[in-house]
Amino acid sequence: MEKIMVAPSLLSANFADLKSDLEKINQSEADWLHLDIMDGVFVPNISFGFPVLKYVAELSQKPLDVHLMIVQPEKFIQEVKKLGAMMMNVHYEACPHLHRVIQQIKEAGMKAGVTLNPATPVSVLEDIITEVDMVLLMSVNPGFGGQKFIPNTLKKIEQLREMITRNGASALIEVDGGVNPENAPLLQRAGADVLVAGSSVFKAPDMIKAIQELKYVE
């Protein structure tokens, strides 16, 4: 069995018992903790802000993978850095000056990730793929947890993997949305490196086991 990286998404956690959920993630084989920040403008939902994230950062023993589903994400680079984030993800669709934002994230000492919505083709990253540390492909429309996986994502992973190889780039491929033990092997075979999982981890009877099932795919 091959290992793949797993980043549980805090959006699906039980916020009435957040400390307990974070302790389980700390005990698990999860590689990162994925944090979705939503502003109700770029996506039709609001998640959590920096006061909550500061608490999460103090409790989490996993590297923080921060995904900003917001307009003007560059305004919050220093806030994300203060959390001690390892990766800051910004949406291609929210950044008209993407190259500049990537450089600003790196100058702040974080890795830079770029996220693509389901309808955005991977070809838009052709001129910048060597600059980014990771590309996050949304396999659902961003804004809400618990949605069904969009099958076309598999083709996009393959296209992105080809682009990365052809350009001699080192970007990781992360997938977020509707990830579960059934499609995890397909995602890995297509070329994914990191799986973001919300409902399939936090709603499982045994979170630690659920992470293992995603991580060790056939």
N, C-alpha and C. Protein backbone atom coordinates (compact mmCIF):
# COMPACT_ATOMS: atom_id res chain seq x y z
N MET A 1 0.84 -1.21 0.00
CA MET A 1 0.00 0.00 0.00
C MET A 1 0.87 1.26 0.00
N GLU A 2 0.47 2.23 -0.81
CA GLU A 2 1.20 3.49 -0.92
C GLU A 2 0.62 4.49 0.07
N LYS A 3 1.50 5.37 0.54
CA LYS A 3 1.04 6.44 1.44
C LYS A 3 0.75 7.70 0.64
N ILE A 4 -0.29 8.42 1.03
CA ILE A 4 -0.55 9.74 0.47
C ILE A 4 -0.72 10.69 1.64
N MET A 5 -0.43 11.96 1.43
CA MET A 5 -0.57 12.94 2.50
C MET A 5 -2.06 13.26 2.72
N VAL A 6 -2.43 13.42 3.98
CA VAL A 6 -3.82 13.73 4.33
C VAL A 6 -3.87 14.99 5.19
N ALA A 7 -4.77 15.91 4.82
CA ALA A 7 -4.94 17.17 5.56
C ALA A 7 -6.41 17.31 5.96
N PRO A 8 -6.79 16.87 7.17
CA PRO A 8 -8.17 17.02 7.61
C PRO A 8 -8.60 18.49 7.60
N SER A 9 -9.83 18.72 7.14
CA SER A 9 -10.34 20.09 7.03
C SER A 9 -11.18 20.46 8.25
N LEU A 10 -10.72 21.47 8.97
CA LEU A 10 -11.35 21.87 10.23
C LEU A 10 -12.79 22.35 10.04
N LEU A 11 -13.16 22.69 8.83
CA LEU A 11 -14.51 23.20 8.55
C LEU A 11 -15.59 22.20 8.99
N SER A 12 -15.24 20.91 9.00
CA SER A 12 -16.21 19.86 9.36
C SER A 12 -16.13 19.46 10.83
N ALA A 13 -15.27 20.11 11.61
CA ALA A 13 -15.10 19.74 13.02
C ALA A 13 -16.32 20.13 13.85
N ASN A 14 -16.39 19.55 15.05
CA ASN A 14 -17.43 19.90 16.01
C ASN A 14 -16.93 21.11 16.83
N PHE A 15 -17.45 22.29 16.52
CA PHE A 15 -16.92 23.50 17.17
C PHE A 15 -17.37 23.64 18.62
N ALA A 16 -18.30 22.79 19.04
CA ALA A 16 -18.68 22.78 20.46
C ALA A 16 -17.69 21.94 21.27
N ASP A 17 -16.87 21.17 20.54
CA ASP A 17 -15.88 20.32 21.21
C ASP A 17 -14.58 20.32 20.40
N LEU A 18 -14.16 21.52 20.02
CA LEU A 18 -13.04 21.68 19.11
C LEU A 18 -11.73 21.13 19.67
N LYS A 19 -11.51 21.34 20.95
CA LYS A 19 -10.26 20.86 21.56
C LYS A 19 -10.13 19.35 21.43
N SER A 20 -11.22 18.64 21.67
CA SER A 20 -11.21 17.18 21.57
C SER A 20 -10.91 16.73 20.15
N ASP A 21 -11.52 17.38 19.17
CA ASP A 21 -11.27 17.02 17.76
C ASP A 21 -9.81 17.28 17.39
N LEU A 22 -9.27 18.40 17.86
CA LEU A 22 -7.87 18.71 17.54
C LEU A 22 -6.91 17.73 18.20
N GLU A 23 -7.25 17.28 19.39
CA GLU A 23 -6.41 16.29 20.07
C GLU A 23 -6.37 14.99 19.27
N LYS A 24 -7.52 14.60 18.70
CA LYS A 24 -7.56 13.38 17.87
C LYS A 24 -6.71 13.55 16.61
N ILE A 25 -6.79 14.72 16.01
CA ILE A 25 -5.96 14.98 14.82
C ILE A 25 -4.48 14.91 15.19
N ASN A 26 -4.12 15.48 16.34
CA ASN A 26 -2.73 15.44 16.80
C ASN A 26 -2.24 14.00 16.98
N GLN A 27 -3.12 13.14 17.46
CA GLN A 27 -2.76 11.73 17.71
C GLN A 27 -2.72 10.91 16.42
N SER A 28 -3.30 11.43 15.36
CA SER A 28 -3.46 10.67 14.12
C SER A 28 -2.22 10.78 13.23
N GLU A 29 -2.30 10.10 12.09
CA GLU A 29 -1.22 10.17 11.10
C GLU A 29 -1.46 11.27 10.07
N ALA A 30 -2.37 12.20 10.37
CA ALA A 30 -2.59 13.35 9.47
C ALA A 30 -1.27 14.10 9.29
N ASP A 31 -1.06 14.60 8.07
CA ASP A 31 0.18 15.32 7.77
C ASP A 31 0.06 16.81 8.08
N TRP A 32 -1.08 17.39 7.69
CA TRP A 32 -1.33 18.82 7.90
C TRP A 32 -2.73 19.00 8.48
N LEU A 33 -3.02 20.22 8.92
CA LEU A 33 -4.39 20.61 9.28
C LEU A 33 -4.81 21.69 8.28
N HIS A 34 -5.92 21.45 7.58
CA HIS A 34 -6.39 22.36 6.54
C HIS A 34 -7.42 23.32 7.12
N LEU A 35 -7.19 24.61 6.93
CA LEU A 35 -8.06 25.64 7.51
C LEU A 35 -8.67 26.50 6.41
N ASP A 36 -10.00 26.43 6.27
CA ASP A 36 -10.71 27.20 5.25
C ASP A 36 -11.23 28.51 5.83
N ILE A 37 -10.74 29.62 5.31
CA ILE A 37 -11.23 30.93 5.75
C ILE A 37 -12.13 31.49 4.65
N MET A 38 -13.41 31.75 5.00
CA MET A 38 -14.40 32.23 4.03
C MET A 38 -14.95 33.58 4.46
N ASP A 39 -15.20 34.44 3.48
CA ASP A 39 -15.60 35.81 3.81
C ASP A 39 -17.06 36.14 3.47
N GLY A 40 -17.81 35.18 2.89
CA GLY A 40 -19.19 35.48 2.51
C GLY A 40 -19.30 36.37 1.28
N VAL A 41 -18.16 36.70 0.67
CA VAL A 41 -18.14 37.52 -0.55
C VAL A 41 -17.62 36.69 -1.71
N PHE A 42 -16.41 36.19 -1.59
CA PHE A 42 -15.84 35.33 -2.64
C PHE A 42 -16.58 34.00 -2.72
N VAL A 43 -16.98 33.49 -1.57
CA VAL A 43 -17.82 32.28 -1.51
C VAL A 43 -19.08 32.60 -0.68
N PRO A 44 -20.18 31.87 -0.92
CA PRO A 44 -21.44 32.21 -0.23
C PRO A 44 -21.54 31.63 1.18
N ASN A 45 -20.51 31.81 1.96
CA ASN A 45 -20.55 31.31 3.33
C ASN A 45 -19.47 32.03 4.13
N ILE A 46 -19.61 32.01 5.46
CA ILE A 46 -18.60 32.57 6.36
C ILE A 46 -18.15 31.43 7.27
N SER A 47 -16.85 31.27 7.45
CA SER A 47 -16.38 30.16 8.31
C SER A 47 -15.91 30.69 9.66
N PHE A 48 -14.63 30.92 9.79
CA PHE A 48 -14.11 31.41 11.07
C PHE A 48 -13.00 32.41 10.81
N GLY A 49 -12.75 33.25 11.82
CA GLY A 49 -11.75 34.30 11.67
C GLY A 49 -10.50 34.03 12.49
N PHE A 50 -9.64 35.03 12.57
CA PHE A 50 -8.33 34.85 13.20
C PHE A 50 -8.37 34.62 14.71
N PRO A 51 -9.36 35.14 15.47
CA PRO A 51 -9.40 34.80 16.90
C PRO A 51 -9.55 33.29 17.14
N VAL A 52 -10.40 32.64 16.33
CA VAL A 52 -10.56 31.19 16.44
C VAL A 52 -9.30 30.48 15.96
N LEU A 53 -8.74 30.96 14.85
CA LEU A 53 -7.56 30.32 14.28
C LEU A 53 -6.34 30.43 15.19
N LYS A 54 -6.25 31.50 15.95
CA LYS A 54 -5.15 31.65 16.91
C LYS A 54 -5.21 30.54 17.95
N TYR A 55 -6.42 30.24 18.42
CA TYR A 55 -6.65 29.15 19.38
C TYR A 55 -6.30 27.81 18.75
N VAL A 56 -6.74 27.60 17.50
CA VAL A 56 -6.45 26.36 16.79
C VAL A 56 -4.95 26.17 16.61
N ALA A 57 -4.26 27.25 16.24
CA ALA A 57 -2.81 27.18 16.02
C ALA A 57 -2.06 26.80 17.30
N GLU A 58 -2.56 27.28 18.42
CA GLU A 58 -1.92 26.95 19.70
C GLU A 58 -2.09 25.48 20.06
N LEU A 59 -3.23 24.89 19.68
CA LEU A 59 -3.53 23.50 20.03
C LEU A 59 -3.01 22.48 19.01
N SER A 60 -2.89 22.90 17.76
CA SER A 60 -2.51 21.96 16.71
C SER A 60 -1.02 21.66 16.72
N GLN A 61 -0.70 20.37 16.61
CA GLN A 61 0.69 19.95 16.47
C GLN A 61 1.04 19.65 15.01
N LYS A 62 0.07 19.84 14.13
CA LYS A 62 0.28 19.58 12.70
C LYS A 62 0.56 20.90 11.98
N PRO A 63 1.37 20.88 10.91
CA PRO A 63 1.58 22.09 10.10
C PRO A 63 0.24 22.61 9.58
N LEU A 64 0.10 23.92 9.54
CA LEU A 64 -1.16 24.54 9.13
C LEU A 64 -1.15 24.88 7.63
N ASP A 65 -2.16 24.38 6.94
CA ASP A 65 -2.38 24.60 5.52
C ASP A 65 -3.59 25.54 5.42
N VAL A 66 -3.32 26.83 5.25
CA VAL A 66 -4.38 27.84 5.34
C VAL A 66 -4.89 28.20 3.95
N HIS A 67 -6.19 28.00 3.74
CA HIS A 67 -6.83 28.20 2.44
C HIS A 67 -7.77 29.40 2.53
N LEU A 68 -7.39 30.51 1.89
CA LEU A 68 -8.19 31.73 1.95
C LEU A 68 -9.16 31.82 0.78
N MET A 69 -10.45 31.58 1.07
CA MET A 69 -11.50 31.72 0.07
C MET A 69 -12.10 33.11 0.24
N ILE A 70 -11.28 34.11 -0.03
CA ILE A 70 -11.68 35.49 0.24
C ILE A 70 -11.19 36.41 -0.87
N VAL A 71 -11.82 37.58 -0.97
CA VAL A 71 -11.32 38.60 -1.88
C VAL A 71 -10.10 39.27 -1.23
N GLN A 72 -9.20 39.74 -2.03
CA GLN A 72 -7.98 40.42 -1.57
C GLN A 72 -7.24 39.65 -0.45
N PRO A 73 -6.89 38.39 -0.70
CA PRO A 73 -6.21 37.61 0.34
C PRO A 73 -4.86 38.17 0.75
N GLU A 74 -4.25 38.96 -0.15
CA GLU A 74 -2.93 39.54 0.16
C GLU A 74 -2.96 40.46 1.39
N LYS A 75 -4.14 40.98 1.71
CA LYS A 75 -4.26 41.86 2.89
C LYS A 75 -4.00 41.12 4.20
N PHE A 76 -4.08 39.78 4.15
CA PHE A 76 -3.99 38.99 5.39
C PHE A 76 -2.73 38.13 5.47
N ILE A 77 -1.75 38.42 4.62
CA ILE A 77 -0.52 37.63 4.63
C ILE A 77 0.15 37.66 6.00
N GLN A 78 0.25 38.82 6.59
CA GLN A 78 0.92 38.92 7.90
C GLN A 78 0.12 38.23 9.00
N GLU A 79 -1.21 38.30 8.91
CA GLU A 79 -2.07 37.62 9.90
C GLU A 79 -1.87 36.10 9.82
N VAL A 80 -1.81 35.59 8.60
CA VAL A 80 -1.61 34.15 8.41
C VAL A 80 -0.22 33.74 8.91
N LYS A 81 0.75 34.59 8.61
CA LYS A 81 2.12 34.31 9.07
C LYS A 81 2.17 34.22 10.61
N LYS A 82 1.45 35.13 11.27
CA LYS A 82 1.45 35.14 12.75
C LYS A 82 0.90 33.85 13.34
N LEU A 83 0.05 33.16 12.59
CA LEU A 83 -0.49 31.87 13.06
C LEU A 83 0.59 30.79 13.06
N GLY A 84 1.69 31.07 12.33
CA GLY A 84 2.73 30.06 12.17
C GLY A 84 2.42 29.11 11.03
N ALA A 85 1.62 29.58 10.06
CA ALA A 85 1.20 28.72 8.95
C ALA A 85 2.38 28.26 8.11
N MET A 86 2.31 27.02 7.67
CA MET A 86 3.32 26.46 6.78
C MET A 86 3.00 26.83 5.33
N MET A 87 1.71 26.78 4.97
CA MET A 87 1.28 27.03 3.60
C MET A 87 0.13 28.03 3.59
N MET A 88 0.22 28.99 2.67
CA MET A 88 -0.91 29.92 2.47
C MET A 88 -1.40 29.74 1.04
N ASN A 89 -2.67 29.35 0.93
CA ASN A 89 -3.34 29.09 -0.34
C ASN A 89 -4.22 30.25 -0.73
N VAL A 90 -4.06 30.78 -1.93
CA VAL A 90 -4.95 31.84 -2.42
C VAL A 90 -5.59 31.38 -3.72
N HIS A 91 -6.79 31.89 -3.99
CA HIS A 91 -7.49 31.51 -5.22
C HIS A 91 -6.98 32.31 -6.41
N TYR A 92 -6.74 31.61 -7.51
CA TYR A 92 -6.41 32.25 -8.78
C TYR A 92 -7.48 33.28 -9.12
N GLU A 93 -8.74 32.91 -8.90
CA GLU A 93 -9.87 33.77 -9.29
C GLU A 93 -9.97 35.05 -8.45
N ALA A 94 -9.30 35.08 -7.31
CA ALA A 94 -9.37 36.24 -6.41
C ALA A 94 -8.14 37.14 -6.52
N CYS A 95 -7.18 36.75 -7.36
CA CYS A 95 -5.89 37.49 -7.40
C CYS A 95 -5.55 37.93 -8.82
N PRO A 96 -5.93 39.15 -9.20
CA PRO A 96 -5.55 39.63 -10.54
C PRO A 96 -4.04 39.78 -10.70
N HIS A 97 -3.33 39.96 -9.57
CA HIS A 97 -1.86 40.09 -9.62
C HIS A 97 -1.25 38.90 -8.87
N LEU A 98 -1.49 37.72 -9.41
CA LEU A 98 -1.14 36.48 -8.71
C LEU A 98 0.36 36.33 -8.45
N HIS A 99 1.17 36.68 -9.45
CA HIS A 99 2.62 36.53 -9.28
C HIS A 99 3.11 37.34 -8.09
N ARG A 100 2.62 38.57 -7.97
CA ARG A 100 3.02 39.44 -6.87
C ARG A 100 2.61 38.84 -5.52
N VAL A 101 1.39 38.31 -5.45
CA VAL A 101 0.90 37.73 -4.19
C VAL A 101 1.73 36.51 -3.79
N ILE A 102 2.07 35.67 -4.76
CA ILE A 102 2.92 34.50 -4.48
C ILE A 102 4.27 34.95 -3.91
N GLN A 103 4.85 35.98 -4.51
CA GLN A 103 6.13 36.47 -4.01
C GLN A 103 6.00 37.02 -2.58
N GLN A 104 4.90 37.71 -2.31
CA GLN A 104 4.69 38.28 -0.97
C GLN A 104 4.54 37.18 0.09
N ILE A 105 3.85 36.10 -0.28
CA ILE A 105 3.69 34.97 0.64
C ILE A 105 5.04 34.35 0.96
N LYS A 106 5.86 34.17 -0.08
CA LYS A 106 7.19 33.57 0.11
C LYS A 106 8.10 34.50 0.92
N GLU A 107 8.01 35.78 0.66
CA GLU A 107 8.82 36.75 1.42
C GLU A 107 8.44 36.74 2.89
N ALA A 108 7.19 36.38 3.20
CA ALA A 108 6.74 36.30 4.60
C ALA A 108 7.21 35.00 5.27
N GLY A 109 7.87 34.13 4.47
CA GLY A 109 8.43 32.91 5.05
C GLY A 109 7.52 31.70 5.00
N MET A 110 6.45 31.78 4.18
CA MET A 110 5.54 30.64 4.04
C MET A 110 5.66 30.04 2.65
N LYS A 111 5.16 28.82 2.50
CA LYS A 111 5.03 28.24 1.17
C LYS A 111 3.78 28.82 0.53
N ALA A 112 3.82 28.91 -0.81
CA ALA A 112 2.72 29.55 -1.53
C ALA A 112 1.93 28.53 -2.34
N GLY A 113 0.62 28.49 -2.09
CA GLY A 113 -0.27 27.61 -2.84
C GLY A 113 -1.28 28.42 -3.63
N VAL A 114 -1.68 27.89 -4.79
CA VAL A 114 -2.71 28.54 -5.61
C VAL A 114 -3.86 27.56 -5.78
N THR A 115 -5.08 28.04 -5.57
CA THR A 115 -6.27 27.20 -5.65
C THR A 115 -7.06 27.53 -6.92
N LEU A 116 -7.59 26.47 -7.56
CA LEU A 116 -8.43 26.64 -8.74
C LEU A 116 -9.84 26.11 -8.46
N ASN A 117 -10.86 26.89 -8.79
CA ASN A 117 -12.24 26.44 -8.70
C ASN A 117 -12.52 25.38 -9.77
N PRO A 118 -13.61 24.61 -9.62
CA PRO A 118 -13.88 23.53 -10.58
C PRO A 118 -13.94 23.97 -12.04
N ALA A 119 -14.45 25.17 -12.32
CA ALA A 119 -14.61 25.61 -13.71
C ALA A 119 -13.36 26.28 -14.29
N THR A 120 -12.31 26.43 -13.47
CA THR A 120 -11.08 27.08 -13.94
C THR A 120 -10.11 26.03 -14.47
N PRO A 121 -9.68 26.14 -15.74
CA PRO A 121 -8.77 25.15 -16.30
C PRO A 121 -7.36 25.27 -15.72
N VAL A 122 -6.64 24.16 -15.67
CA VAL A 122 -5.28 24.20 -15.11
C VAL A 122 -4.33 25.00 -16.00
N SER A 123 -4.70 25.18 -17.27
CA SER A 123 -3.82 25.89 -18.21
C SER A 123 -3.51 27.32 -17.77
N VAL A 124 -4.34 27.91 -16.92
CA VAL A 124 -4.10 29.30 -16.47
C VAL A 124 -2.82 29.41 -15.65
N LEU A 125 -2.30 28.26 -15.17
CA LEU A 125 -1.10 28.28 -14.32
C LEU A 125 0.19 28.03 -15.10
N GLU A 126 0.07 27.87 -16.41
CA GLU A 126 1.24 27.54 -17.25
C GLU A 126 2.43 28.47 -17.01
N ASP A 127 2.17 29.78 -16.89
CA ASP A 127 3.26 30.76 -16.77
C ASP A 127 3.75 30.95 -15.34
N ILE A 128 3.14 30.24 -14.38
CA ILE A 128 3.51 30.48 -12.99
C ILE A 128 3.77 29.18 -12.21
N ILE A 129 3.65 28.04 -12.89
CA ILE A 129 3.72 26.76 -12.19
C ILE A 129 5.08 26.53 -11.51
N THR A 130 6.14 27.08 -12.04
CA THR A 130 7.46 26.89 -11.42
C THR A 130 7.64 27.77 -10.18
N GLU A 131 6.73 28.71 -9.96
CA GLU A 131 6.84 29.64 -8.83
C GLU A 131 6.09 29.15 -7.58
N VAL A 132 5.13 28.24 -7.78
CA VAL A 132 4.27 27.86 -6.65
C VAL A 132 4.74 26.55 -6.00
N ASP A 133 4.45 26.42 -4.72
CA ASP A 133 4.81 25.21 -3.98
C ASP A 133 3.71 24.16 -4.04
N MET A 134 2.48 24.60 -4.30
CA MET A 134 1.37 23.66 -4.36
C MET A 134 0.22 24.25 -5.17
N VAL A 135 -0.52 23.37 -5.83
CA VAL A 135 -1.77 23.76 -6.48
C VAL A 135 -2.89 22.96 -5.83
N LEU A 136 -3.91 23.66 -5.36
CA LEU A 136 -5.08 23.02 -4.77
C LEU A 136 -6.22 23.03 -5.79
N LEU A 137 -6.64 21.84 -6.19
CA LEU A 137 -7.78 21.73 -7.10
C LEU A 137 -9.04 21.49 -6.28
N MET A 138 -10.00 22.39 -6.42
CA MET A 138 -11.29 22.22 -5.75
C MET A 138 -12.10 21.17 -6.52
N SER A 139 -12.49 20.10 -5.84
CA SER A 139 -13.29 19.05 -6.48
C SER A 139 -14.77 19.16 -6.10
N VAL A 140 -15.13 20.30 -5.48
CA VAL A 140 -16.51 20.75 -5.28
C VAL A 140 -16.48 22.27 -5.45
N ASN A 141 -17.65 22.88 -5.55
CA ASN A 141 -17.67 24.34 -5.58
C ASN A 141 -17.43 24.86 -4.17
N PRO A 142 -16.47 25.76 -3.97
CA PRO A 142 -16.09 26.17 -2.61
C PRO A 142 -17.20 26.91 -1.88
N GLY A 143 -17.20 26.73 -0.56
CA GLY A 143 -18.16 27.46 0.26
C GLY A 143 -18.85 26.62 1.31
N PHE A 144 -19.03 25.34 1.01
CA PHE A 144 -19.75 24.46 1.94
C PHE A 144 -19.10 23.09 2.01
N GLY A 145 -19.13 22.48 3.19
CA GLY A 145 -18.65 21.11 3.34
C GLY A 145 -19.72 20.11 2.95
N GLY A 146 -19.32 18.85 2.81
CA GLY A 146 -20.27 17.77 2.59
C GLY A 146 -20.82 17.65 1.18
N GLN A 147 -20.17 18.29 0.18
CA GLN A 147 -20.67 18.20 -1.20
C GLN A 147 -20.12 16.97 -1.91
N LYS A 148 -20.76 16.62 -3.05
CA LYS A 148 -20.33 15.47 -3.83
C LYS A 148 -19.14 15.81 -4.71
N PHE A 149 -18.22 14.89 -4.80
CA PHE A 149 -17.01 15.01 -5.62
C PHE A 149 -17.36 15.19 -7.10
N ILE A 150 -16.68 16.12 -7.78
CA ILE A 150 -16.87 16.35 -9.21
C ILE A 150 -15.88 15.47 -9.99
N PRO A 151 -16.37 14.48 -10.75
CA PRO A 151 -15.48 13.50 -11.39
C PRO A 151 -14.44 14.10 -12.34
N ASN A 152 -14.77 15.22 -12.99
CA ASN A 152 -13.84 15.84 -13.94
C ASN A 152 -12.51 16.23 -13.29
N THR A 153 -12.50 16.28 -11.95
CA THR A 153 -11.27 16.63 -11.23
C THR A 153 -10.15 15.66 -11.55
N LEU A 154 -10.48 14.40 -11.79
CA LEU A 154 -9.45 13.40 -12.10
C LEU A 154 -8.68 13.79 -13.38
N LYS A 155 -9.41 14.25 -14.38
CA LYS A 155 -8.76 14.69 -15.63
C LYS A 155 -7.89 15.91 -15.37
N LYS A 156 -8.36 16.82 -14.53
CA LYS A 156 -7.58 18.02 -14.22
C LYS A 156 -6.29 17.68 -13.49
N ILE A 157 -6.35 16.69 -12.59
CA ILE A 157 -5.14 16.26 -11.88
C ILE A 157 -4.11 15.75 -12.89
N GLU A 158 -4.56 14.93 -13.82
CA GLU A 158 -3.66 14.38 -14.84
C GLU A 158 -3.04 15.50 -15.68
N GLN A 159 -3.86 16.47 -16.07
CA GLN A 159 -3.35 17.61 -16.87
C GLN A 159 -2.33 18.41 -16.08
N LEU A 160 -2.62 18.63 -14.80
CA LEU A 160 -1.72 19.41 -13.95
C LEU A 160 -0.41 18.66 -13.73
N ARG A 161 -0.50 17.35 -13.50
CA ARG A 161 0.71 16.53 -13.31
C ARG A 161 1.60 16.62 -14.54
N GLU A 162 0.99 16.56 -15.73
CA GLU A 162 1.76 16.66 -16.98
C GLU A 162 2.45 18.02 -17.08
N MET A 163 1.71 19.08 -16.71
CA MET A 163 2.28 20.44 -16.75
C MET A 163 3.48 20.58 -15.80
N ILE A 164 3.33 20.05 -14.59
CA ILE A 164 4.39 20.13 -13.59
C ILE A 164 5.64 19.41 -14.09
N THR A 165 5.46 18.21 -14.61
CA THR A 165 6.58 17.41 -15.12
C THR A 165 7.25 18.10 -16.30
N ARG A 166 6.44 18.58 -17.24
CA ARG A 166 6.97 19.21 -18.46
C ARG A 166 7.78 20.46 -18.15
N ASN A 167 7.39 21.20 -17.12
CA ASN A 167 8.09 22.45 -16.77
C ASN A 167 9.20 22.24 -15.74
N GLY A 168 9.40 21.01 -15.30
CA GLY A 168 10.42 20.74 -14.28
C GLY A 168 10.08 21.41 -12.97
N ALA A 169 8.77 21.57 -12.70
CA ALA A 169 8.32 22.23 -11.47
C ALA A 169 8.25 21.20 -10.34
N SER A 170 8.13 21.71 -9.11
CA SER A 170 8.10 20.80 -7.95
C SER A 170 6.80 20.95 -7.14
N ALA A 171 5.81 21.62 -7.71
CA ALA A 171 4.56 21.87 -6.98
C ALA A 171 3.84 20.57 -6.62
N LEU A 172 3.33 20.52 -5.41
CA LEU A 172 2.48 19.42 -4.98
C LEU A 172 1.07 19.64 -5.53
N ILE A 173 0.32 18.56 -5.69
CA ILE A 173 -1.08 18.66 -6.10
C ILE A 173 -1.96 18.25 -4.92
N GLU A 174 -2.81 19.17 -4.49
CA GLU A 174 -3.74 18.92 -3.38
C GLU A 174 -5.16 18.93 -3.94
N VAL A 175 -6.02 18.08 -3.39
CA VAL A 175 -7.42 18.01 -3.85
C VAL A 175 -8.34 18.18 -2.65
N ASP A 176 -9.38 19.01 -2.82
CA ASP A 176 -10.28 19.33 -1.71
C ASP A 176 -11.73 19.29 -2.18
N GLY A 177 -12.53 18.41 -1.54
CA GLY A 177 -13.97 18.39 -1.81
C GLY A 177 -14.49 17.00 -2.11
N GLY A 178 -15.29 16.46 -1.21
CA GLY A 178 -15.91 15.17 -1.45
C GLY A 178 -14.93 14.00 -1.45
N VAL A 179 -13.76 14.19 -0.84
CA VAL A 179 -12.75 13.12 -0.80
C VAL A 179 -13.18 12.06 0.22
N ASN A 180 -13.08 10.80 -0.17
CA ASN A 180 -13.45 9.71 0.72
C ASN A 180 -12.62 8.47 0.38
N PRO A 181 -12.71 7.39 1.16
CA PRO A 181 -11.90 6.20 0.89
C PRO A 181 -12.16 5.56 -0.48
N GLU A 182 -13.34 5.80 -1.05
CA GLU A 182 -13.67 5.22 -2.36
C GLU A 182 -12.91 5.92 -3.49
N ASN A 183 -12.85 7.26 -3.45
CA ASN A 183 -12.18 7.95 -4.56
C ASN A 183 -10.70 8.25 -4.28
N ALA A 184 -10.24 8.04 -3.06
CA ALA A 184 -8.82 8.32 -2.73
C ALA A 184 -7.85 7.57 -3.64
N PRO A 185 -8.07 6.27 -3.92
CA PRO A 185 -7.13 5.57 -4.81
C PRO A 185 -7.12 6.15 -6.22
N LEU A 186 -8.30 6.59 -6.71
CA LEU A 186 -8.38 7.19 -8.05
C LEU A 186 -7.61 8.51 -8.09
N LEU A 187 -7.73 9.29 -7.02
CA LEU A 187 -7.04 10.59 -6.94
C LEU A 187 -5.53 10.38 -6.92
N GLN A 188 -5.09 9.40 -6.17
CA GLN A 188 -3.65 9.14 -6.10
C GLN A 188 -3.12 8.65 -7.45
N ARG A 189 -3.84 7.76 -8.09
CA ARG A 189 -3.40 7.24 -9.39
C ARG A 189 -3.34 8.35 -10.44
N ALA A 190 -4.25 9.32 -10.33
CA ALA A 190 -4.25 10.45 -11.28
C ALA A 190 -3.06 11.38 -11.05
N GLY A 191 -2.48 11.36 -9.83
CA GLY A 191 -1.29 12.18 -9.57
C GLY A 191 -1.37 13.09 -8.38
N ALA A 192 -2.41 12.95 -7.54
CA ALA A 192 -2.54 13.82 -6.35
C ALA A 192 -1.50 13.44 -5.29
N ASP A 193 -1.02 14.46 -4.57
CA ASP A 193 -0.06 14.26 -3.48
C ASP A 193 -0.70 14.41 -2.10
N VAL A 194 -1.71 15.29 -2.01
CA VAL A 194 -2.33 15.62 -0.72
C VAL A 194 -3.85 15.58 -0.86
N LEU A 195 -4.51 14.90 0.08
CA LEU A 195 -5.97 14.85 0.09
C LEU A 195 -6.50 15.66 1.28
N VAL A 196 -7.36 16.62 1.00
CA VAL A 196 -8.07 17.35 2.05
C VAL A 196 -9.38 16.61 2.31
N ALA A 197 -9.64 16.29 3.55
CA ALA A 197 -10.85 15.53 3.87
C ALA A 197 -11.55 16.15 5.07
N GLY A 198 -12.82 16.48 4.89
CA GLY A 198 -13.60 17.09 5.97
C GLY A 198 -14.58 16.10 6.57
N SER A 199 -15.73 15.95 5.93
CA SER A 199 -16.81 15.08 6.45
C SER A 199 -16.34 13.65 6.65
N SER A 200 -15.54 13.12 5.71
CA SER A 200 -15.14 11.71 5.80
C SER A 200 -14.22 11.44 6.98
N VAL A 201 -13.63 12.50 7.55
CA VAL A 201 -12.80 12.34 8.76
C VAL A 201 -13.61 12.71 10.00
N PHE A 202 -14.12 13.95 10.05
CA PHE A 202 -14.75 14.46 11.28
C PHE A 202 -16.11 13.84 11.58
N LYS A 203 -16.79 13.31 10.55
CA LYS A 203 -18.08 12.67 10.79
C LYS A 203 -17.94 11.16 11.00
N ALA A 204 -16.73 10.65 10.89
CA ALA A 204 -16.50 9.20 11.05
C ALA A 204 -16.58 8.81 12.52
N PRO A 205 -17.01 7.57 12.82
CA PRO A 205 -17.06 7.11 14.21
C PRO A 205 -15.68 7.11 14.86
N ASP A 206 -14.65 6.84 14.04
CA ASP A 206 -13.26 6.81 14.54
C ASP A 206 -12.41 7.66 13.61
N MET A 207 -12.12 8.91 14.03
CA MET A 207 -11.39 9.85 13.17
C MET A 207 -9.99 9.35 12.83
N ILE A 208 -9.32 8.78 13.82
CA ILE A 208 -7.93 8.32 13.61
C ILE A 208 -7.90 7.21 12.56
N LYS A 209 -8.87 6.29 12.65
CA LYS A 209 -8.96 5.20 11.67
C LYS A 209 -9.33 5.74 10.29
N ALA A 210 -10.22 6.72 10.25
CA ALA A 210 -10.65 7.31 8.97
C ALA A 210 -9.47 7.94 8.24
N ILE A 211 -8.59 8.59 8.98
CA ILE A 211 -7.39 9.20 8.37
C ILE A 211 -6.47 8.11 7.84
N GLN A 212 -6.31 7.02 8.60
CA GLN A 212 -5.49 5.89 8.15
C GLN A 212 -6.02 5.30 6.85
N GLU A 213 -7.35 5.16 6.77
CA GLU A 213 -7.97 4.58 5.57
C GLU A 213 -7.72 5.43 4.33
N LEU A 214 -7.67 6.75 4.51
CA LEU A 214 -7.37 7.63 3.38
C LEU A 214 -5.88 7.59 3.04
N LYS A 215 -5.06 7.48 4.05
CA LYS A 215 -3.61 7.60 3.88
C LYS A 215 -3.00 6.37 3.21
N TYR A 216 -3.49 5.21 3.58
CA TYR A 216 -2.93 3.98 3.02
C TYR A 216 -3.89 3.41 1.99
N VAL A 217 -3.78 3.96 0.79
CA VAL A 217 -4.71 3.55 -0.27
C VAL A 217 -4.12 2.36 -1.03
N GLU A 218 -5.01 1.55 -1.57
CA GLU A 218 -4.58 0.35 -2.32
C GLU A 218 -3.99 0.78 -3.67
